[in-house]
């Protein structure tokens, strides 16, 4: 019956939020995101429950001092304090026991009044007089009984986050924490509502923690499976990289949505930022209030019951304190850091298993991560270090990939020759270089002829290979631009070295002819930076 009531209540909230002209609600097709449904539920319940509790406190004289004031104005209640049939020793015992209980109740009232004063100080000086009042002991019991069971209504929706879309726990927890802070300004009359929200917050946090662990396990398992395959030839941007980018965008969009109207309504117009976590913890109703007592053996169990009540009260205060002090930004940043570190480690493990395609695989995945995260970095500073790390890894991967493509077409030997000549020129005079092993004029002439032969076919072959690996993506254009720059810089440096060490040797084709070959193969736009 409780679940049916929850669904029907929520259905009315959703229908009312759509407006009078909206079509009737179809239970089989709920298109409301879970975090929006949570906000609609709190907007539909909390203000009315709070108003109901405050109204009951006023009508039933549940505020401290109201009952005594009413007695003073209207006379003592009929009958005074009658013994009611208790005589002799039994009556005396009951009278003494009643005095002890009254003294204990008065001491507890004083302690709770001190906590209430701390709460009011934490909530600021802008509270209205009616918001400064605190409930009597009996008043807290009555309000707790009046609002009993509302946590099950809230929990029914919170538990939906355990099945799917667990990432929506983040905005749901953020709203619950904000509502707890706003309700602190309403004093002890809102304590049961704060306790219910704190219980839901704890449940949501458990769901979210299990979601994070499941995501980490999935990334690690997927990475291990791909690494065991030994080849990433047919893989490009893998699932956990693309899904992380989507998740991050989704989270930031959800967190940008606010519920200022609800918070203002709950706080009575008082800024809830002034409400401290300590005040929220002190405001949690302990639910205690000793029993009115029976005679006989029950007196022996009173101490045990009081200890259990104290333990339960301490546990509830801890739950409320955890919910009131929780902050969404550190939680999200920790999620990003945990997943990104694991993703980058898995990428390196997967790419390391394939020497041929590993650098291409790295460049694609790190490049995708950088471009997907870049729009968020302006608003989410915690993502910037990961973006910079991915940029550095992508640059390193592109450099190795470009070198591999030049080596594939034998043009990379020109770069090796340039490096060798530079090393010798740092130690020897230019005229002495030709007499070193492997650097004779004949060997250099043979190298130039071998690398320059069918240069157009080599460029075409290299271009086709890059297109086959990277398609027509922006990364493909970037890689081809780097190949062009690398080869042309090498060619010009080699021409200068030949002029110093081998005046009789000429490059064939010349640098201008090589640039023309690039343009003839792939067009002017792709042939030059």
Protein backbone atom coordinates (compact mmCIF):
# COMPACT_ATOMS: atom_id res chain seq x y z
CA UNK A 1 0.00 0.00 0.00
CA UNK A 2 2.89 2.32 0.81
CA UNK A 3 4.43 1.90 -2.63
CA UNK A 4 1.11 2.47 -4.36
CA UNK A 5 0.65 5.63 -2.34
CA UNK A 6 4.15 6.79 -3.31
CA UNK A 7 3.49 6.25 -7.00
CA UNK A 8 0.12 7.97 -6.93
CA UNK A 9 1.52 10.92 -5.00
CA UNK A 10 4.44 11.27 -7.36
CA UNK A 11 2.10 10.98 -10.34
CA UNK A 12 0.13 13.96 -9.05
CA UNK A 13 3.34 15.97 -8.61
CA UNK A 14 4.49 15.24 -12.14
CA UNK A 15 1.05 16.01 -13.58
CA UNK A 16 0.80 19.31 -11.72
CA UNK A 17 4.29 20.32 -12.85
CA UNK A 18 3.29 19.85 -16.49
CA UNK A 19 0.40 22.28 -16.30
CA UNK A 20 -3.33 22.06 -16.85
CA UNK A 21 -3.11 21.64 -20.62
CA UNK A 22 -0.67 18.72 -20.49
CA UNK A 23 -1.81 15.24 -21.52
CA UNK A 24 -2.64 12.75 -18.73
CA UNK A 25 0.27 10.95 -17.09
CA UNK A 26 1.10 7.54 -18.54
CA UNK A 27 2.77 5.33 -15.88
CA UNK A 28 4.35 3.16 -18.57
CA UNK A 29 6.15 6.11 -20.18
CA UNK A 30 7.83 8.33 -17.60
CA UNK A 31 10.16 10.71 -19.41
CA UNK A 32 11.24 12.69 -16.34
CA UNK A 33 14.96 12.33 -15.51
CA UNK A 34 15.49 10.90 -12.07
CA UNK A 35 17.15 13.98 -10.56
CA UNK A 36 14.32 16.19 -11.88
CA UNK A 37 11.77 13.79 -10.41
CA UNK A 38 13.62 14.03 -7.09
CA UNK A 39 13.45 17.81 -7.18
CA UNK A 40 9.75 17.68 -8.08
CA UNK A 41 9.13 15.31 -5.19
CA UNK A 42 10.86 17.56 -2.66
CA UNK A 43 9.16 20.66 -4.04
CA UNK A 44 5.80 18.93 -3.74
CA UNK A 45 6.32 17.50 -0.26
CA UNK A 46 8.73 19.49 1.89
CA UNK A 47 7.00 22.92 2.03
CA UNK A 48 3.62 21.35 2.82
CA UNK A 49 5.04 18.98 5.44
CA UNK A 50 6.89 21.85 7.06
CA UNK A 51 3.77 24.02 7.09
CA UNK A 52 1.76 21.14 8.55
CA UNK A 53 4.31 20.61 11.33
CA UNK A 54 4.47 24.31 12.19
CA UNK A 55 0.69 24.55 12.16
CA UNK A 56 0.36 21.58 14.50
CA UNK A 57 2.98 23.05 16.82
CA UNK A 58 0.98 26.27 17.01
CA UNK A 59 -2.46 24.72 17.49
CA UNK A 60 -1.36 22.09 20.00
CA UNK A 61 0.82 24.47 22.04
CA UNK A 62 3.96 22.43 21.39
CA UNK A 63 6.43 25.32 21.58
CA UNK A 64 8.37 25.81 24.77
CA UNK A 65 6.54 28.03 27.27
CA UNK A 66 3.24 28.15 25.39
CA UNK A 67 1.46 25.67 27.64
CA UNK A 68 2.60 27.48 30.80
CA UNK A 69 1.53 30.81 29.32
CA UNK A 70 -1.89 29.39 28.48
CA UNK A 71 -2.26 28.10 32.02
CA UNK A 72 -1.38 31.49 33.44
CA UNK A 73 -3.93 33.25 31.25
CA UNK A 74 -6.78 30.75 31.42
CA UNK A 75 -6.32 29.41 34.92
CA UNK A 76 -5.08 26.10 36.06
CA UNK A 77 -6.35 23.04 34.27
CA UNK A 78 -9.27 21.32 36.00
CA UNK A 79 -8.57 19.05 38.89
CA UNK A 80 -5.08 20.27 39.57
CA UNK A 81 -2.64 17.54 40.31
CA UNK A 82 -4.72 14.70 41.75
CA UNK A 83 -3.38 11.51 43.18
CA UNK A 84 -5.84 9.45 41.15
CA UNK A 85 -6.18 6.41 43.39
CA UNK A 86 -2.56 5.91 44.32
CA UNK A 87 -2.20 5.70 48.06
CA UNK A 88 0.19 4.49 50.64
CA UNK A 89 3.65 3.30 49.75
CA UNK A 90 2.79 2.65 46.12
CA UNK A 91 1.60 6.21 45.72
CA UNK A 92 4.73 7.55 47.42
CA UNK A 93 6.97 5.48 45.17
CA UNK A 94 5.17 6.67 42.09
CA UNK A 95 5.43 10.24 43.34
CA UNK A 96 9.20 9.96 43.90
CA UNK A 97 9.69 8.18 40.60
CA UNK A 98 7.71 10.89 38.86
CA UNK A 99 9.92 13.57 40.43
CA UNK A 100 13.06 11.76 39.23
CA UNK A 101 11.68 11.52 35.71
CA UNK A 102 10.68 15.17 35.75
CA UNK A 103 14.17 16.18 36.87
CA UNK A 104 15.73 14.03 34.12
CA UNK A 105 13.35 15.54 31.60
CA UNK A 106 14.22 19.06 32.78
CA UNK A 107 17.96 18.34 32.44
CA UNK A 108 17.43 16.97 28.94
CA UNK A 109 15.31 20.03 28.10
CA UNK A 110 18.18 22.29 29.20
CA UNK A 111 20.73 20.36 27.11
CA UNK A 112 18.52 20.47 24.03
CA UNK A 113 17.82 24.16 24.61
CA UNK A 114 21.58 24.78 24.54
CA UNK A 115 21.85 22.85 21.29
CA UNK A 116 18.97 24.89 19.90
CA UNK A 117 20.75 28.13 20.82
CA UNK A 118 23.89 26.95 19.03
CA UNK A 119 21.76 26.14 16.01
CA UNK A 120 20.22 29.60 16.00
CA UNK A 121 23.66 31.21 16.23
CA UNK A 122 24.83 29.13 13.27
CA UNK A 123 21.77 30.03 11.26
CA UNK A 124 22.43 33.75 11.54
CA UNK A 125 20.77 36.75 13.10
CA UNK A 126 18.11 37.18 10.41
CA UNK A 127 15.72 34.59 11.87
CA UNK A 128 12.20 35.72 12.62
CA UNK A 129 11.00 35.46 16.24
CA UNK A 130 8.82 32.46 15.44
CA UNK A 131 11.81 30.73 13.87
CA UNK A 132 13.87 31.17 17.06
CA UNK A 133 11.46 29.13 19.17
CA UNK A 134 12.13 25.50 19.96
CA UNK A 135 9.73 22.68 20.63
CA UNK A 136 9.13 21.26 24.04
CA UNK A 137 10.02 17.65 24.72
CA UNK A 138 6.44 16.58 24.20
CA UNK A 139 6.27 18.78 21.11
CA UNK A 140 9.23 17.00 19.53
CA UNK A 141 7.58 13.65 20.16
CA UNK A 142 4.30 14.81 18.62
CA UNK A 143 5.95 16.32 15.52
CA UNK A 144 8.11 13.21 15.09
CA UNK A 145 4.97 11.06 15.21
CA UNK A 146 3.17 13.41 12.82
CA UNK A 147 5.96 13.20 10.21
CA UNK A 148 6.81 9.55 10.77
CA UNK A 149 7.00 7.58 7.53
CA UNK A 150 7.86 10.40 5.14
CA UNK A 151 11.35 8.95 4.74
CA UNK A 152 9.86 5.86 3.08
CA UNK A 153 8.14 8.11 0.54
CA UNK A 154 11.44 9.79 -0.28
CA UNK A 155 13.40 6.54 -0.19
CA UNK A 156 11.20 4.92 -2.82
CA UNK A 157 12.50 7.39 -5.39
CA UNK A 158 16.06 7.44 -4.04
CA UNK A 159 16.32 3.67 -4.43
CA UNK A 160 15.57 3.94 -8.14
CA UNK A 161 19.10 5.31 -8.49
CA UNK A 162 20.47 1.90 -7.52
CA UNK A 163 19.19 0.30 -10.73
CA UNK A 164 20.30 2.68 -13.46
CA UNK A 165 21.52 6.25 -14.00
CA UNK A 166 23.43 6.13 -10.71
CA UNK A 167 25.34 9.23 -11.79
CA UNK A 168 22.16 11.18 -11.02
CA UNK A 169 22.81 10.48 -7.34
CA UNK A 170 25.17 13.48 -7.43
CA UNK A 171 22.55 16.22 -8.07
CA UNK A 172 20.10 14.36 -5.83
CA UNK A 173 22.59 14.37 -2.95
CA UNK A 174 23.46 18.01 -3.62
CA UNK A 175 19.79 19.00 -3.39
CA UNK A 176 19.28 16.96 -0.22
CA UNK A 177 22.26 18.66 1.44
CA UNK A 178 21.02 22.10 0.37
CA UNK A 179 17.55 21.36 1.76
CA UNK A 180 19.05 20.22 5.07
CA UNK A 181 20.91 23.51 5.32
CA UNK A 182 17.79 25.49 4.47
CA UNK A 183 15.69 23.63 7.04
CA UNK A 184 18.16 24.39 9.84
CA UNK A 185 16.69 27.89 9.99
CA UNK A 186 13.26 26.45 10.89
CA UNK A 187 14.49 24.99 14.18
CA UNK A 188 13.49 21.74 15.84
CA UNK A 189 10.11 21.59 14.12
CA UNK A 190 11.92 20.60 10.92
CA UNK A 191 14.19 18.03 12.62
CA UNK A 192 12.25 14.98 11.33
CA UNK A 193 12.45 16.31 7.77
CA UNK A 194 16.18 16.89 8.09
CA UNK A 195 16.59 13.39 9.45
CA UNK A 196 14.60 11.92 6.55
CA UNK A 197 16.71 13.81 4.00
CA UNK A 198 19.91 12.70 5.73
CA UNK A 199 18.77 9.08 5.58
CA UNK A 200 18.07 9.41 1.86
CA UNK A 201 21.43 11.12 1.40
CA UNK A 202 23.20 8.20 3.06
CA UNK A 203 21.34 5.74 0.84
CA UNK A 204 22.17 7.72 -2.30
CA UNK A 205 25.81 7.95 -1.28
CA UNK A 206 25.91 4.18 -0.92
CA UNK A 207 24.41 3.74 -4.39
CA UNK A 208 26.92 6.17 -5.86
CA UNK A 209 29.87 4.51 -4.15
CA UNK A 210 28.88 1.15 -5.62
CA UNK A 211 28.49 2.79 -9.03
CA UNK A 212 32.04 4.20 -8.89
CA UNK A 213 33.47 0.83 -7.92
CA UNK A 214 31.54 -0.85 -10.73
CA UNK A 215 32.87 1.68 -13.25
CA UNK A 216 36.44 1.16 -12.09
CA UNK A 217 36.04 -2.60 -12.33
CA UNK A 218 34.57 -2.29 -15.84
CA UNK A 219 37.45 -0.11 -17.07
CA UNK A 220 40.05 -2.45 -15.63
CA UNK A 221 38.34 -5.55 -17.01
CA UNK A 222 37.89 -4.07 -20.49
CA UNK A 223 41.48 -2.87 -20.60
CA UNK A 224 42.82 -6.26 -19.53
CA UNK A 225 40.72 -8.02 -22.16
CA UNK A 226 41.95 -5.79 -24.99
CA UNK A 227 45.56 -6.01 -23.84
CA UNK A 228 45.31 -9.79 -23.79
CA UNK A 229 44.15 -9.71 -27.43
CA UNK A 230 47.52 -8.31 -28.47
CA UNK A 231 46.26 -6.15 -31.34
CA UNK A 232 44.36 -2.87 -31.56
CA UNK A 233 44.32 -2.72 -35.36
CA UNK A 234 40.53 -2.62 -35.52
CA UNK A 235 40.07 -0.40 -32.44
CA UNK A 236 39.91 3.37 -32.42
CA UNK A 237 38.32 5.41 -29.59
CA UNK A 238 37.38 2.83 -27.00
CA UNK A 239 34.23 2.82 -24.95
CA UNK A 240 35.40 4.04 -21.58
CA UNK A 241 37.09 7.12 -23.07
CA UNK A 242 34.02 8.24 -25.02
CA UNK A 243 31.65 7.38 -22.16
CA UNK A 244 33.73 9.33 -19.65
CA UNK A 245 33.44 12.46 -21.78
CA UNK A 246 29.66 12.04 -22.05
CA UNK A 247 29.35 11.38 -18.33
CA UNK A 248 31.41 14.45 -17.42
CA UNK A 249 29.28 16.70 -19.65
CA UNK A 250 26.11 15.18 -18.20
CA UNK A 251 27.27 15.68 -14.62
CA UNK A 252 28.26 19.31 -15.13
CA UNK A 253 24.96 20.12 -16.85
CA UNK A 254 22.98 18.54 -14.00
CA UNK A 255 25.00 20.34 -11.33
CA UNK A 256 24.45 23.68 -13.04
CA UNK A 257 20.71 23.39 -12.41
CA UNK A 258 19.52 24.95 -9.17
CA UNK A 259 16.49 24.91 -6.89
CA UNK A 260 16.72 28.40 -5.43
CA UNK A 261 12.96 28.82 -5.11
CA UNK A 262 12.60 25.65 -3.03
CA UNK A 263 15.54 26.53 -0.78
CA UNK A 264 14.24 30.05 -0.21
CA UNK A 265 10.82 28.67 0.65
CA UNK A 266 12.24 26.13 3.11
CA UNK A 267 14.53 28.62 4.82
CA UNK A 268 11.82 31.25 5.12
CA UNK A 269 13.86 33.69 3.08
CA UNK A 270 16.96 33.33 5.28
CA UNK A 271 20.18 32.57 3.44
CA UNK A 272 20.97 28.95 4.15
CA UNK A 273 24.68 29.44 3.56
CA UNK A 274 24.98 30.67 7.13
CA UNK A 275 23.67 27.38 8.49
CA UNK A 276 26.64 25.40 9.70
CA UNK A 277 27.04 21.65 9.68
CA UNK A 278 27.32 21.65 13.47
CA UNK A 279 23.97 23.38 13.77
CA UNK A 280 22.40 20.86 11.42
CA UNK A 281 23.77 17.99 13.48
CA UNK A 282 22.50 19.55 16.72
CA UNK A 283 19.07 20.02 15.16
CA UNK A 284 18.56 16.30 14.60
CA UNK A 285 15.81 15.09 16.86
CA UNK A 286 17.10 12.22 18.96
CA UNK A 287 13.64 10.73 19.17
CA UNK A 288 14.30 10.07 22.81
CA UNK A 289 12.13 11.14 25.57
CA UNK A 290 11.87 8.41 28.09
CA UNK A 291 8.76 6.44 28.53
CA UNK A 292 6.18 7.53 30.99
CA UNK A 293 7.17 4.46 32.91
CA UNK A 294 5.58 1.45 34.40
CA UNK A 295 6.20 0.01 37.80
CA UNK A 296 7.98 -3.21 38.67
CA UNK A 297 10.59 -4.74 36.36
CA UNK A 298 10.40 -1.96 33.76
CA UNK A 299 12.40 0.28 36.09
CA UNK A 300 15.36 -2.09 35.69
CA UNK A 301 15.20 -1.82 31.88
CA UNK A 302 15.08 1.97 31.81
CA UNK A 303 18.85 2.37 31.81
CA UNK A 304 19.26 -0.14 28.96
CA UNK A 305 16.58 1.62 26.94
CA UNK A 306 18.21 4.98 27.57
CA UNK A 307 21.58 3.63 26.37
CA UNK A 308 19.98 2.26 23.22
CA UNK A 309 18.25 5.57 22.61
CA UNK A 310 21.53 7.44 23.10
CA UNK A 311 23.31 5.15 20.63
CA UNK A 312 20.51 5.55 18.11
CA UNK A 313 20.54 9.32 18.60
CA UNK A 314 24.31 9.45 18.11
CA UNK A 315 24.02 7.37 14.95
CA UNK A 316 21.34 9.66 13.54
CA UNK A 317 23.41 12.73 14.39
CA UNK A 318 26.39 11.24 12.57
CA UNK A 319 24.23 10.57 9.52
CA UNK A 320 22.93 14.13 9.56
CA UNK A 321 26.39 15.60 10.08
CA UNK A 322 27.74 13.59 7.13
CA UNK A 323 24.88 14.77 4.92
CA UNK A 324 25.11 18.41 6.03
CA UNK A 325 28.89 18.66 5.54
CA UNK A 326 28.96 16.77 2.23
CA UNK A 327 30.04 18.83 -0.79
CA UNK A 328 29.35 17.83 -4.36
CA UNK A 329 32.39 19.44 -6.01
CA UNK A 330 35.05 17.44 -4.14
CA UNK A 331 33.00 14.28 -4.75
CA UNK A 332 32.87 14.93 -8.50
CA UNK A 333 36.55 15.86 -8.66
CA UNK A 334 37.46 12.65 -6.85
CA UNK A 335 35.35 10.69 -9.34
CA UNK A 336 37.13 12.32 -12.28
CA UNK A 337 40.57 11.69 -10.81
CA UNK A 338 39.83 8.07 -9.98
CA UNK A 339 38.48 7.20 -13.42
CA UNK A 340 40.96 9.23 -15.49
CA UNK A 341 43.98 7.72 -13.77
CA UNK A 342 42.63 4.22 -14.34
CA UNK A 343 41.71 4.99 -17.97
CA UNK A 344 45.15 6.35 -18.84
CA UNK A 345 46.80 3.33 -17.24
CA UNK A 346 44.55 0.97 -19.22
CA UNK A 347 45.27 2.86 -22.46
CA UNK A 348 49.01 2.46 -21.97
CA UNK A 349 48.61 -1.23 -21.18
CA UNK A 350 46.47 -1.84 -24.26
CA UNK A 351 48.73 0.16 -26.60
CA UNK A 352 51.86 -1.48 -25.21
CA UNK A 353 50.60 -4.86 -26.38
CA UNK A 354 50.66 -3.77 -30.07
CA UNK A 355 53.93 -2.21 -31.23
CA UNK A 356 52.65 -1.62 -34.76
CA UNK A 357 49.36 0.17 -34.04
CA UNK A 358 49.93 1.25 -30.44
CA UNK A 359 50.99 4.85 -31.16
CA UNK A 360 48.07 5.42 -33.51
CA UNK A 361 45.74 4.00 -30.84
CA UNK A 362 47.21 6.29 -28.18
CA UNK A 363 47.01 9.38 -30.37
CA UNK A 364 43.35 8.78 -31.23
CA UNK A 365 42.20 8.15 -27.67
CA UNK A 366 44.20 10.91 -26.01
CA UNK A 367 43.14 13.29 -28.77
CA UNK A 368 39.48 12.43 -28.28
CA UNK A 369 39.81 12.96 -24.53
CA UNK A 370 41.45 16.37 -25.00
CA UNK A 371 38.84 17.66 -27.44
CA UNK A 372 35.93 16.34 -25.37
CA UNK A 373 37.18 17.76 -22.07
CA UNK A 374 38.45 21.11 -23.36
CA UNK A 375 35.00 22.86 -23.22
CA UNK A 376 34.63 21.80 -19.57
CA UNK A 377 38.02 22.99 -18.37
CA UNK A 378 36.87 26.62 -18.31
CA UNK A 379 34.33 25.71 -15.61
CA UNK A 380 35.91 22.61 -14.03
CA UNK A 381 39.46 23.40 -13.00
CA UNK A 382 40.10 19.88 -11.73
CA UNK A 383 40.01 18.52 -15.30
CA UNK A 384 42.76 20.79 -16.60
CA UNK A 385 45.72 18.72 -15.31
CA UNK A 386 44.29 15.61 -16.96
CA UNK A 387 43.75 17.47 -20.23
CA UNK A 388 47.35 18.73 -20.20
CA UNK A 389 48.59 15.25 -19.41
CA UNK A 390 46.59 13.82 -22.30
CA UNK A 391 47.91 16.53 -24.65
CA UNK A 392 51.49 15.63 -23.75
CA UNK A 393 50.84 11.93 -24.27
CA UNK A 394 49.13 12.60 -27.59
CA UNK A 395 52.03 14.74 -28.79
CA UNK A 396 54.50 12.03 -27.89
CA UNK A 397 52.39 9.41 -29.67
CA UNK A 398 52.10 11.56 -32.82
CA UNK A 399 55.85 12.08 -32.88
CA UNK A 400 56.51 8.35 -32.74
CA UNK A 401 53.78 7.62 -35.29
CA UNK A 402 55.20 10.17 -37.77
CA UNK A 403 58.67 8.68 -37.37
CA UNK A 404 57.26 5.21 -38.02
CA UNK A 405 55.54 6.35 -41.25
CA UNK A 406 58.76 7.93 -42.56
CA UNK A 407 60.67 4.76 -41.76
CA UNK A 408 58.02 2.69 -43.52
CA UNK A 409 58.74 4.49 -46.84
CA UNK A 410 62.55 4.54 -46.38
CA UNK A 411 62.47 8.35 -46.15
CA UNK A 412 63.33 8.11 -42.49
CA UNK A 413 66.92 7.22 -43.43
CA UNK A 414 67.39 10.88 -44.41
CA UNK A 415 66.69 11.93 -40.85
CA UNK A 416 69.21 9.39 -39.55
CA UNK A 417 71.84 10.79 -41.92
CA UNK A 418 71.15 14.34 -40.77
CA UNK A 419 71.57 13.35 -37.14
CA UNK A 420 74.82 11.53 -37.86
CA UNK A 421 76.27 14.48 -39.79
CA UNK A 422 75.27 16.93 -37.06
CA UNK A 423 77.11 14.87 -34.49
CA UNK A 424 80.26 14.77 -36.60
CA UNK A 425 80.15 18.49 -37.41
CA UNK A 426 80.07 19.23 -33.70
CA UNK A 427 83.44 17.48 -33.35
CA UNK A 428 85.18 17.78 -36.72
CA UNK A 429 85.79 20.26 -39.48
CA UNK A 430 83.39 19.91 -42.47
CA UNK A 431 86.18 18.70 -44.79
CA UNK A 432 86.99 15.81 -42.41
CA UNK A 433 83.43 14.42 -42.29
CA UNK A 434 83.71 12.63 -45.65
CA UNK A 435 86.60 10.51 -44.28
CA UNK A 436 84.57 9.04 -41.42
CA UNK A 437 83.17 5.49 -41.55
CA UNK A 438 79.76 5.37 -43.20
CA UNK A 439 79.96 8.99 -44.36
CA UNK A 440 81.96 8.77 -47.56
CA UNK A 441 80.81 10.69 -50.61
CA UNK A 442 79.87 7.44 -52.38
CA UNK A 443 77.76 6.25 -49.45
CA UNK A 444 75.96 9.57 -49.23
CA UNK A 445 75.33 9.56 -52.99
CA UNK A 446 73.84 6.05 -52.76
CA UNK A 447 71.63 7.11 -49.83
CA UNK A 448 70.29 10.13 -51.70
CA UNK A 449 69.56 8.05 -54.78
CA UNK A 450 67.78 5.30 -52.80
CA UNK A 451 65.60 7.73 -50.86
CA UNK A 452 64.82 9.97 -53.83
CA UNK A 453 63.88 7.13 -56.19
CA UNK A 454 60.11 7.04 -56.85
CA UNK A 455 59.57 9.75 -54.24
CA UNK A 456 56.07 10.45 -55.54
CA UNK A 457 55.05 6.81 -55.07
CA UNK A 458 56.48 6.78 -51.57
CA UNK A 459 54.54 9.91 -50.64
CA UNK A 460 51.37 8.45 -52.13
CA UNK A 461 51.91 5.21 -50.23
CA UNK A 462 52.49 7.06 -46.97
CA UNK A 463 49.41 9.23 -47.50
CA UNK A 464 47.24 6.18 -48.17
CA UNK A 465 48.53 4.50 -45.04
CA UNK A 466 47.67 7.51 -42.86
CA UNK A 467 44.21 7.72 -44.41
CA UNK A 468 43.69 4.02 -43.79
CA UNK A 469 44.68 4.37 -40.15
CA UNK A 470 42.97 7.66 -39.27
CA UNK A 471 40.36 8.24 -41.97
CA UNK A 472 39.46 11.86 -42.69
CA UNK A 473 39.54 13.04 -39.09
CA UNK A 474 41.19 16.19 -37.84
CA UNK A 475 43.90 13.99 -36.35
CA UNK A 476 44.69 12.61 -39.83
CA UNK A 477 45.21 16.14 -41.17
CA UNK A 478 47.36 17.01 -38.16
CA UNK A 479 49.52 13.91 -38.61
CA UNK A 480 49.97 14.52 -42.33
CA UNK A 481 50.92 18.12 -41.66
CA UNK A 482 53.54 16.90 -39.19
CA UNK A 483 54.90 14.42 -41.74
CA UNK A 484 55.24 17.19 -44.30
CA UNK A 485 56.97 19.52 -41.83
CA UNK A 486 59.29 16.80 -40.55
CA UNK A 487 60.36 15.68 -44.01
CA UNK A 488 60.82 19.18 -45.40
CA UNK A 489 62.86 20.31 -42.37
CA UNK A 490 65.04 17.23 -42.67
CA UNK A 491 65.49 17.79 -46.40
CA UNK A 492 66.55 21.44 -45.96
CA UNK A 493 68.99 20.61 -43.17
CA UNK A 494 70.50 17.84 -45.27
CA UNK A 495 70.91 20.25 -48.18
CA UNK A 496 72.88 22.64 -45.92
CA UNK A 497 75.08 19.82 -44.62
CA UNK A 498 75.81 18.57 -48.13
CA UNK A 499 76.92 22.08 -49.11
CA UNK A 500 79.39 22.08 -46.21
CA UNK A 501 80.72 18.53 -46.39
CA UNK A 502 80.01 17.35 -49.96
CA UNK A 503 79.95 20.36 -52.32
CA UNK A 504 79.65 18.14 -55.38
CA UNK A 505 76.48 16.35 -54.19
CA UNK A 506 72.96 17.63 -54.89
CA UNK A 507 69.63 16.43 -53.55
CA UNK A 508 67.35 14.79 -56.07
CA UNK A 509 64.57 15.78 -55.97
CA UNK A 510 65.33 19.27 -54.68
CA UNK A 511 63.36 20.64 -51.71
CA UNK A 512 61.07 22.67 -54.00
CA UNK A 513 60.40 19.59 -56.13
CA UNK A 514 59.63 17.52 -53.01
CA UNK A 515 57.07 20.10 -51.86
CA UNK A 516 55.50 20.00 -55.32
CA UNK A 517 55.25 16.20 -55.06
CA UNK A 518 53.30 16.58 -51.81
CA UNK A 519 50.91 19.01 -53.47
CA UNK A 520 50.42 16.77 -56.48
CA UNK A 521 49.59 13.77 -54.30
CA UNK A 522 47.23 15.26 -51.71
CA UNK A 523 46.46 18.80 -52.86
CA UNK A 524 47.79 22.18 -51.70
CA UNK A 525 45.68 22.36 -48.53
CA UNK A 526 47.09 19.14 -47.10
CA UNK A 527 50.61 19.55 -48.45
CA UNK A 528 51.61 22.66 -46.55
CA UNK A 529 51.05 23.92 -43.01
